[in-house]
Amino acid sequence: MEASRKFTVEELSSYNGKGGKPAYVGYRGKVYDVTESSQWLDGDHLGHEAGQDLTMAMDIAPHGDEIMEKIKIVGVLAEA
């Protein structure tokens, strides 16, 4: 999958990690694939669900932006 692929918020929501689907999250305009992360099980990470833009949620996360550098970018989040 190309990193230049554009996802709408609606399209992103279908990548929720449930039922064998990939788990993607949005963050600062980019879309990341967290499917293989041990921190994301069945599309859930400490109450946060895949298939969403987590930009605002990251403001209260116990880690910073550096954690996202380790995750594969699969696209960009289209402007609403």
PDB file of N, CA and C in Angstrom:
ATOM      1  N   MET A   1       0.838  -1.176   0.000  1.00  0.00           N
ATOM      2  CA  MET A   1       0.000   0.000   0.000  1.00  0.00           C
ATOM      3  C   MET A   1       0.884   1.241   0.000  1.00  0.00           C
ATOM      4  N   GLU A   2       0.479   2.214  -0.761  1.00  0.00           N
ATOM      5  CA  GLU A   2       1.292   3.424  -0.889  1.00  0.00           C
ATOM      6  C   GLU A   2       1.046   4.393   0.266  1.00  0.00           C
ATOM      7  N   ALA A   3       2.096   5.041   0.689  1.00  0.00           N
ATOM      8  CA  ALA A   3       1.974   6.027   1.754  1.00  0.00           C
ATOM      9  C   ALA A   3       1.206   7.252   1.282  1.00  0.00           C
ATOM     10  N   SER A   4       1.011   7.416  -0.027  1.00  0.00           N
ATOM     11  CA  SER A   4       0.299   8.570  -0.549  1.00  0.00           C
ATOM     12  C   SER A   4      -1.210   8.326  -0.639  1.00  0.00           C
ATOM     13  N   ARG A   5      -1.681   7.166  -0.250  1.00  0.00           N
ATOM     14  CA  ARG A   5      -3.114   6.872  -0.289  1.00  0.00           C
ATOM     15  C   ARG A   5      -3.842   7.810   0.655  1.00  0.00           C
ATOM     16  N   LYS A   6      -4.977   8.324   0.197  1.00  0.00           N
ATOM     17  CA  LYS A   6      -5.780   9.222   1.026  1.00  0.00           C
ATOM     18  C   LYS A   6      -6.958   8.463   1.614  1.00  0.00           C
ATOM     19  N   PHE A   7      -7.159   8.639   2.908  1.00  0.00           N
ATOM     20  CA  PHE A   7      -8.259   8.028   3.631  1.00  0.00           C
ATOM     21  C   PHE A   7      -9.192   9.118   4.130  1.00  0.00           C
ATOM     22  N   THR A   8     -10.478   8.951   3.924  1.00  0.00           N
ATOM     23  CA  THR A   8     -11.440   9.818   4.589  1.00  0.00           C
ATOM     24  C   THR A   8     -11.616   9.272   5.999  1.00  0.00           C
ATOM     25  N   VAL A   9     -12.223  10.044   6.874  1.00  0.00           N
ATOM     26  CA  VAL A   9     -12.491   9.580   8.234  1.00  0.00           C
ATOM     27  C   VAL A   9     -13.389   8.343   8.168  1.00  0.00           C
ATOM     28  N   GLU A  10     -14.343   8.340   7.240  1.00  0.00           N
ATOM     29  CA  GLU A  10     -15.242   7.193   7.088  1.00  0.00           C
ATOM     30  C   GLU A  10     -14.474   5.945   6.650  1.00  0.00           C
ATOM     31  N   GLU A  11     -13.569   6.101   5.681  1.00  0.00           N
ATOM     32  CA  GLU A  11     -12.760   4.957   5.236  1.00  0.00           C
ATOM     33  C   GLU A  11     -11.871   4.443   6.358  1.00  0.00           C
ATOM     34  N   LEU A  12     -11.263   5.353   7.096  1.00  0.00           N
ATOM     35  CA  LEU A  12     -10.388   4.970   8.206  1.00  0.00           C
ATOM     36  C   LEU A  12     -11.151   4.129   9.226  1.00  0.00           C
ATOM     37  N   SER A  13     -12.404   4.447   9.459  1.00  0.00           N
ATOM     38  CA  SER A  13     -13.184   3.735  10.478  1.00  0.00           C
ATOM     39  C   SER A  13     -13.352   2.250  10.168  1.00  0.00           C
ATOM     40  N   SER A  14     -13.229   1.872   8.909  1.00  0.00           N
ATOM     41  CA  SER A  14     -13.370   0.452   8.566  1.00  0.00           C
ATOM     42  C   SER A  14     -12.109  -0.350   8.886  1.00  0.00           C
ATOM     43  N   TYR A  15     -11.010   0.325   9.185  1.00  0.00           N
ATOM     44  CA  TYR A  15      -9.753  -0.338   9.550  1.00  0.00           C
ATOM     45  C   TYR A  15      -9.633  -0.350  11.075  1.00  0.00           C
ATOM     46  N   ASN A  16     -10.568  -1.071  11.705  1.00  0.00           N
ATOM     47  CA  ASN A  16     -10.666  -1.047  13.162  1.00  0.00           C
ATOM     48  C   ASN A  16     -10.020  -2.235  13.866  1.00  0.00           C
ATOM     49  N   GLY A  17      -9.410  -3.141  13.113  1.00  0.00           N
ATOM     50  CA  GLY A  17      -8.723  -4.274  13.712  1.00  0.00           C
ATOM     51  C   GLY A  17      -9.642  -5.391  14.181  1.00  0.00           C
ATOM     52  N   LYS A  18     -10.913  -5.288  13.895  1.00  0.00           N
ATOM     53  CA  LYS A  18     -11.884  -6.306  14.320  1.00  0.00           C
ATOM     54  C   LYS A  18     -12.111  -7.319  13.207  1.00  0.00           C
ATOM     55  N   GLY A  19     -12.372  -8.569  13.567  1.00  0.00           N
ATOM     56  CA  GLY A  19     -12.713  -9.593  12.592  1.00  0.00           C
ATOM     57  C   GLY A  19     -11.650  -9.835  11.537  1.00  0.00           C
ATOM     58  N   GLY A  20     -10.382  -9.687  11.913  1.00  0.00           N
ATOM     59  CA  GLY A  20      -9.291  -9.935  10.979  1.00  0.00           C
ATOM     60  C   GLY A  20      -8.930  -8.750  10.090  1.00  0.00           C
ATOM     61  N   LYS A  21      -9.618  -7.621  10.272  1.00  0.00           N
ATOM     62  CA  LYS A  21      -9.299  -6.421   9.483  1.00  0.00           C
ATOM     63  C   LYS A  21      -8.012  -5.780  10.000  1.00  0.00           C
ATOM     64  N   PRO A  22      -7.294  -5.076   9.128  1.00  0.00           N
ATOM     65  CA  PRO A  22      -6.128  -4.327   9.599  1.00  0.00           C
ATOM     66  C   PRO A  22      -6.556  -3.241  10.588  1.00  0.00           C
ATOM     67  N   ALA A  23      -5.620  -2.815  11.415  1.00  0.00           N
ATOM     68  CA  ALA A  23      -5.866  -1.752  12.393  1.00  0.00           C
ATOM     69  C   ALA A  23      -5.036  -0.529  12.007  1.00  0.00           C
ATOM     70  N   TYR A  24      -5.713   0.537  11.614  1.00  0.00           N
ATOM     71  CA  TYR A  24      -5.061   1.789  11.241  1.00  0.00           C
ATOM     72  C   TYR A  24      -5.525   2.891  12.179  1.00  0.00           C
ATOM     73  N   VAL A  25      -4.650   3.836  12.434  1.00  0.00           N
ATOM     74  CA  VAL A  25      -5.016   5.021  13.212  1.00  0.00           C
ATOM     75  C   VAL A  25      -4.499   6.260  12.498  1.00  0.00           C
ATOM     76  N   GLY A  26      -5.221   7.341  12.668  1.00  0.00           N
ATOM     77  CA  GLY A  26      -4.786   8.623  12.137  1.00  0.00           C
ATOM     78  C   GLY A  26      -4.064   9.398  13.224  1.00  0.00           C
ATOM     79  N   TYR A  27      -3.057  10.154  12.797  1.00  0.00           N
ATOM     80  CA  TYR A  27      -2.340  11.022  13.734  1.00  0.00           C
ATOM     81  C   TYR A  27      -1.656  12.130  12.945  1.00  0.00           C
ATOM     82  N   ARG A  28      -2.025  13.368  13.269  1.00  0.00           N
ATOM     83  CA  ARG A  28      -1.454  14.554  12.618  1.00  0.00           C
ATOM     84  C   ARG A  28      -1.441  14.447  11.095  1.00  0.00           C
ATOM     85  N   GLY A  29      -2.578  14.004  10.548  1.00  0.00           N
ATOM     86  CA  GLY A  29      -2.754  13.981   9.100  1.00  0.00           C
ATOM     87  C   GLY A  29      -2.204  12.761   8.396  1.00  0.00           C
ATOM     88  N   LYS A  30      -1.569  11.868   9.138  1.00  0.00           N
ATOM     89  CA  LYS A  30      -1.032  10.644   8.541  1.00  0.00           C
ATOM     90  C   LYS A  30      -1.816   9.448   9.068  1.00  0.00           C
ATOM     91  N   VAL A  31      -1.792   8.348   8.305  1.00  0.00           N
ATOM     92  CA  VAL A  31      -2.463   7.120   8.722  1.00  0.00           C
ATOM     93  C   VAL A  31      -1.401   6.053   8.943  1.00  0.00           C
ATOM     94  N   TYR A  32      -1.446   5.433  10.116  1.00  0.00           N
ATOM     95  CA  TYR A  32      -0.446   4.459  10.533  1.00  0.00           C
ATOM     96  C   TYR A  32      -1.068   3.077  10.666  1.00  0.00           C
ATOM     97  N   ASP A  33      -0.298   2.052  10.328  1.00  0.00           N
ATOM     98  CA  ASP A  33      -0.743   0.663  10.443  1.00  0.00           C
ATOM     99  C   ASP A  33      -0.231   0.093  11.764  1.00  0.00           C
ATOM    100  N   VAL A  34      -1.140  -0.091  12.719  1.00  0.00           N
ATOM    101  CA  VAL A  34      -0.769  -0.630  14.032  1.00  0.00           C
ATOM    102  C   VAL A  34      -1.157  -2.100  14.176  1.00  0.00           C
ATOM    103  N   THR A  35      -1.511  -2.732  13.062  1.00  0.00           N
ATOM    104  CA  THR A  35      -1.990  -4.116  13.066  1.00  0.00           C
ATOM    105  C   THR A  35      -1.046  -5.062  13.781  1.00  0.00           C
ATOM    106  N   GLU A  36       0.239  -4.976  13.513  1.00  0.00           N
ATOM    107  CA  GLU A  36       1.218  -5.915  14.057  1.00  0.00           C
ATOM    108  C   GLU A  36       1.801  -5.487  15.403  1.00  0.00           C
ATOM    109  N   SER A  37       1.386  -4.345  15.912  1.00  0.00           N
ATOM    110  CA  SER A  37       1.926  -3.857  17.173  1.00  0.00           C
ATOM    111  C   SER A  37       1.405  -4.689  18.340  1.00  0.00           C
ATOM    112  N   SER A  38       2.290  -5.083  19.217  1.00  0.00           N
ATOM    113  CA  SER A  38       1.895  -5.843  20.399  1.00  0.00           C
ATOM    114  C   SER A  38       1.090  -4.975  21.370  1.00  0.00           C
ATOM    115  N   GLN A  39       1.120  -3.671  21.168  1.00  0.00           N
ATOM    116  CA  GLN A  39       0.379  -2.745  22.020  1.00  0.00           C
ATOM    117  C   GLN A  39      -1.080  -2.585  21.589  1.00  0.00           C
ATOM    118  N   TRP A  40      -1.390  -3.084  20.383  1.00  0.00           N
ATOM    119  CA  TRP A  40      -2.745  -2.989  19.832  1.00  0.00           C
ATOM    120  C   TRP A  40      -3.283  -4.403  19.637  1.00  0.00           C
ATOM    121  N   LEU A  41      -4.226  -4.813  20.482  1.00  0.00           N
ATOM    122  CA  LEU A  41      -4.819  -6.134  20.383  1.00  0.00           C
ATOM    123  C   LEU A  41      -6.274  -6.007  19.951  1.00  0.00           C
ATOM    124  N   ASP A  42      -6.608  -6.653  18.845  1.00  0.00           N
ATOM    125  CA  ASP A  42      -7.964  -6.573  18.282  1.00  0.00           C
ATOM    126  C   ASP A  42      -8.419  -5.130  18.106  1.00  0.00           C
ATOM    127  N   GLY A  43      -7.494  -4.275  17.694  1.00  0.00           N
ATOM    128  CA  GLY A  43      -7.830  -2.880  17.422  1.00  0.00           C
ATOM    129  C   GLY A  43      -8.004  -2.014  18.647  1.00  0.00           C
ATOM    130  N   ASP A  44      -7.503  -2.467  19.787  1.00  0.00           N
ATOM    131  CA  ASP A  44      -7.646  -1.697  21.020  1.00  0.00           C
ATOM    132  C   ASP A  44      -6.290  -1.480  21.680  1.00  0.00           C
ATOM    133  N   HIS A  45      -6.078  -0.254  22.151  1.00  0.00           N
ATOM    134  CA  HIS A  45      -4.865   0.081  22.891  1.00  0.00           C
ATOM    135  C   HIS A  45      -5.273   0.930  24.088  1.00  0.00           C
ATOM    136  N   LEU A  46      -5.355   0.276  25.239  1.00  0.00           N
ATOM    137  CA  LEU A  46      -5.674   0.978  26.490  1.00  0.00           C
ATOM    138  C   LEU A  46      -6.935   1.830  26.373  1.00  0.00           C
ATOM    139  N   GLY A  47      -7.956   1.281  25.723  1.00  0.00           N
ATOM    140  CA  GLY A  47      -9.224   1.988  25.580  1.00  0.00           C
ATOM    141  C   GLY A  47      -9.351   2.835  24.328  1.00  0.00           C
ATOM    142  N   HIS A  48      -8.279   2.992  23.587  1.00  0.00           N
ATOM    143  CA  HIS A  48      -8.335   3.711  22.310  1.00  0.00           C
ATOM    144  C   HIS A  48      -8.577   2.695  21.208  1.00  0.00           C
ATOM    145  N   GLU A  49      -9.461   3.024  20.287  1.00  0.00           N
ATOM    146  CA  GLU A  49      -9.803   2.086  19.236  1.00  0.00           C
ATOM    147  C   GLU A  49      -9.193   2.489  17.905  1.00  0.00           C
ATOM    148  N   ALA A  50      -8.730   1.479  17.176  1.00  0.00           N
ATOM    149  CA  ALA A  50      -8.222   1.713  15.821  1.00  0.00           C
ATOM    150  C   ALA A  50      -9.388   2.157  14.939  1.00  0.00           C
ATOM    151  N   GLY A  51      -9.048   2.733  13.810  1.00  0.00           N
ATOM    152  CA  GLY A  51     -10.057   3.227  12.884  1.00  0.00           C
ATOM    153  C   GLY A  51     -10.437   4.666  13.161  1.00  0.00           C
ATOM    154  N   GLN A  52      -9.666   5.335  14.008  1.00  0.00           N
ATOM    155  CA  GLN A  52      -9.964   6.713  14.385  1.00  0.00           C
ATOM    156  C   GLN A  52      -8.735   7.597  14.273  1.00  0.00           C
ATOM    157  N   ASP A  53      -9.000   8.900  14.223  1.00  0.00           N
ATOM    158  CA  ASP A  53      -7.925   9.882  14.287  1.00  0.00           C
ATOM    159  C   ASP A  53      -7.631  10.107  15.769  1.00  0.00           C
ATOM    160  N   LEU A  54      -6.438   9.761  16.192  1.00  0.00           N
ATOM    161  CA  LEU A  54      -6.071   9.851  17.603  1.00  0.00           C
ATOM    162  C   LEU A  54      -5.219  11.075  17.942  1.00  0.00           C
ATOM    163  N   THR A  55      -5.218  12.063  17.065  1.00  0.00           N
ATOM    164  CA  THR A  55      -4.393  13.249  17.276  1.00  0.00           C
ATOM    165  C   THR A  55      -4.666  13.894  18.629  1.00  0.00           C
ATOM    166  N   MET A  56      -5.915  14.124  18.942  1.00  0.00           N
ATOM    167  CA  MET A  56      -6.244  14.785  20.212  1.00  0.00           C
ATOM    168  C   MET A  56      -5.959  13.873  21.398  1.00  0.00           C
ATOM    169  N   ALA A  57      -6.175  12.583  21.243  1.00  0.00           N
ATOM    170  CA  ALA A  57      -5.927  11.640  22.333  1.00  0.00           C
ATOM    171  C   ALA A  57      -4.442  11.585  22.695  1.00  0.00           C
ATOM    172  N   MET A  58      -3.589  11.818  21.728  1.00  0.00           N
ATOM    173  CA  MET A  58      -2.142  11.765  21.984  1.00  0.00           C
ATOM    174  C   MET A  58      -1.687  12.894  22.901  1.00  0.00           C
ATOM    175  N   ASP A  59      -2.495  13.955  23.017  1.00  0.00           N
ATOM    176  CA  ASP A  59      -2.127  15.062  23.904  1.00  0.00           C
ATOM    177  C   ASP A  59      -2.032  14.614  25.357  1.00  0.00           C
ATOM    178  N   ILE A  60      -2.768  13.561  25.721  1.00  0.00           N
ATOM    179  CA  ILE A  60      -2.745  13.090  27.107  1.00  0.00           C
ATOM    180  C   ILE A  60      -2.030  11.750  27.257  1.00  0.00           C
ATOM    181  N   ALA A  61      -1.426  11.273  26.174  1.00  0.00           N
ATOM    182  CA  ALA A  61      -0.722   9.986  26.209  1.00  0.00           C
ATOM    183  C   ALA A  61       0.546  10.091  27.062  1.00  0.00           C
ATOM    184  N   PRO A  62       0.949   8.975  27.681  1.00  0.00           N
ATOM    185  CA  PRO A  62       2.164   8.993  28.498  1.00  0.00           C
ATOM    186  C   PRO A  62       3.441   8.957  27.654  1.00  0.00           C
ATOM    187  N   HIS A  63       3.290   8.945  26.340  1.00  0.00           N
ATOM    188  CA  HIS A  63       4.449   8.966  25.440  1.00  0.00           C
ATOM    189  C   HIS A  63       4.252  10.093  24.444  1.00  0.00           C
ATOM    190  N   GLY A  64       5.310  10.442  23.755  1.00  0.00           N
ATOM    191  CA  GLY A  64       5.249  11.528  22.795  1.00  0.00           C
ATOM    192  C   GLY A  64       5.207  11.049  21.358  1.00  0.00           C
ATOM    193  N   ASP A  65       5.430  11.983  20.452  1.00  0.00           N
ATOM    194  CA  ASP A  65       5.410  11.721  19.013  1.00  0.00           C
ATOM    195  C   ASP A  65       6.407  10.656  18.583  1.00  0.00           C
ATOM    196  N   GLU A  66       7.470  10.491  19.353  1.00  0.00           N
ATOM    197  CA  GLU A  66       8.531   9.576  18.941  1.00  0.00           C
ATOM    198  C   GLU A  66       8.016   8.148  18.764  1.00  0.00           C
ATOM    199  N   ILE A  67       6.956   7.775  19.448  1.00  0.00           N
ATOM    200  CA  ILE A  67       6.415   6.429  19.332  1.00  0.00           C
ATOM    201  C   ILE A  67       5.875   6.178  17.924  1.00  0.00           C
ATOM    202  N   MET A  68       5.378   7.213  17.281  1.00  0.00           N
ATOM    203  CA  MET A  68       4.799   7.064  15.945  1.00  0.00           C
ATOM    204  C   MET A  68       5.877   6.859  14.878  1.00  0.00           C
ATOM    205  N   GLU A  69       7.098   7.254  15.172  1.00  0.00           N
ATOM    206  CA  GLU A  69       8.191   7.086  14.216  1.00  0.00           C
ATOM    207  C   GLU A  69       8.505   5.618  13.950  1.00  0.00           C
ATOM    208  N   LYS A  70       8.090   4.749  14.852  1.00  0.00           N
ATOM    209  CA  LYS A  70       8.362   3.315  14.731  1.00  0.00           C
ATOM    210  C   LYS A  70       7.284   2.580  13.935  1.00  0.00           C
ATOM    211  N   ILE A  71       6.200   3.277  13.574  1.00  0.00           N
ATOM    212  CA  ILE A  71       5.044   2.642  12.952  1.00  0.00           C
ATOM    213  C   ILE A  71       4.977   3.002  11.467  1.00  0.00           C
ATOM    214  N   LYS A  72       4.629   2.010  10.646  1.00  0.00           N
ATOM    215  CA  LYS A  72       4.560   2.196   9.205  1.00  0.00           C
ATOM    216  C   LYS A  72       3.410   3.144   8.827  1.00  0.00           C
ATOM    217  N   ILE A  73       3.743   4.125   7.990  1.00  0.00           N
ATOM    218  CA  ILE A  73       2.727   5.049   7.454  1.00  0.00           C
ATOM    219  C   ILE A  73       2.149   4.410   6.198  1.00  0.00           C
ATOM    220  N   VAL A  74       0.814   4.352   6.133  1.00  0.00           N
ATOM    221  CA  VAL A  74       0.151   3.749   4.971  1.00  0.00           C
ATOM    222  C   VAL A  74      -0.623   4.765   4.145  1.00  0.00           C
ATOM    223  N   GLY A  75      -0.693   5.988   4.601  1.00  0.00           N
ATOM    224  CA  GLY A  75      -1.412   7.002   3.835  1.00  0.00           C
ATOM    225  C   GLY A  75      -1.545   8.293   4.607  1.00  0.00           C
ATOM    226  N   VAL A  76      -2.420   9.133   4.088  1.00  0.00           N
ATOM    227  CA  VAL A  76      -2.714  10.412   4.718  1.00  0.00           C
ATOM    228  C   VAL A  76      -4.207  10.510   4.955  1.00  0.00           C
ATOM    229  N   LEU A  77      -4.569  11.296   5.944  1.00  0.00           N
ATOM    230  CA  LEU A  77      -5.968  11.504   6.284  1.00  0.00           C
ATOM    231  C   LEU A  77      -6.464  12.718   5.501  1.00  0.00           C
ATOM    232  N   ALA A  78      -7.504  12.503   4.711  1.00  0.00           N
ATOM    233  CA  ALA A  78      -8.053  13.578   3.886  1.00  0.00           C
ATOM    234  C   ALA A  78      -8.687  14.640   4.779  1.00  0.00           C
ATOM    235  N   GLU A  79      -8.617  15.862   4.317  1.00  0.00           N
ATOM    236  CA  GLU A  79      -9.257  16.969   5.040  1.00  0.00           C
ATOM    237  C   GLU A  79     -10.767  16.786   4.964  1.00  0.00           C
ATOM    238  N   ALA A  80     -11.451  17.150   6.015  1.00  0.00           N
ATOM    239  CA  ALA A  80     -12.911  17.014   6.061  1.00  0.00           C
ATOM    240  C   ALA A  80     -13.593  18.022   5.160  1.00  0.00           C
TER     241      ALA A  80
END
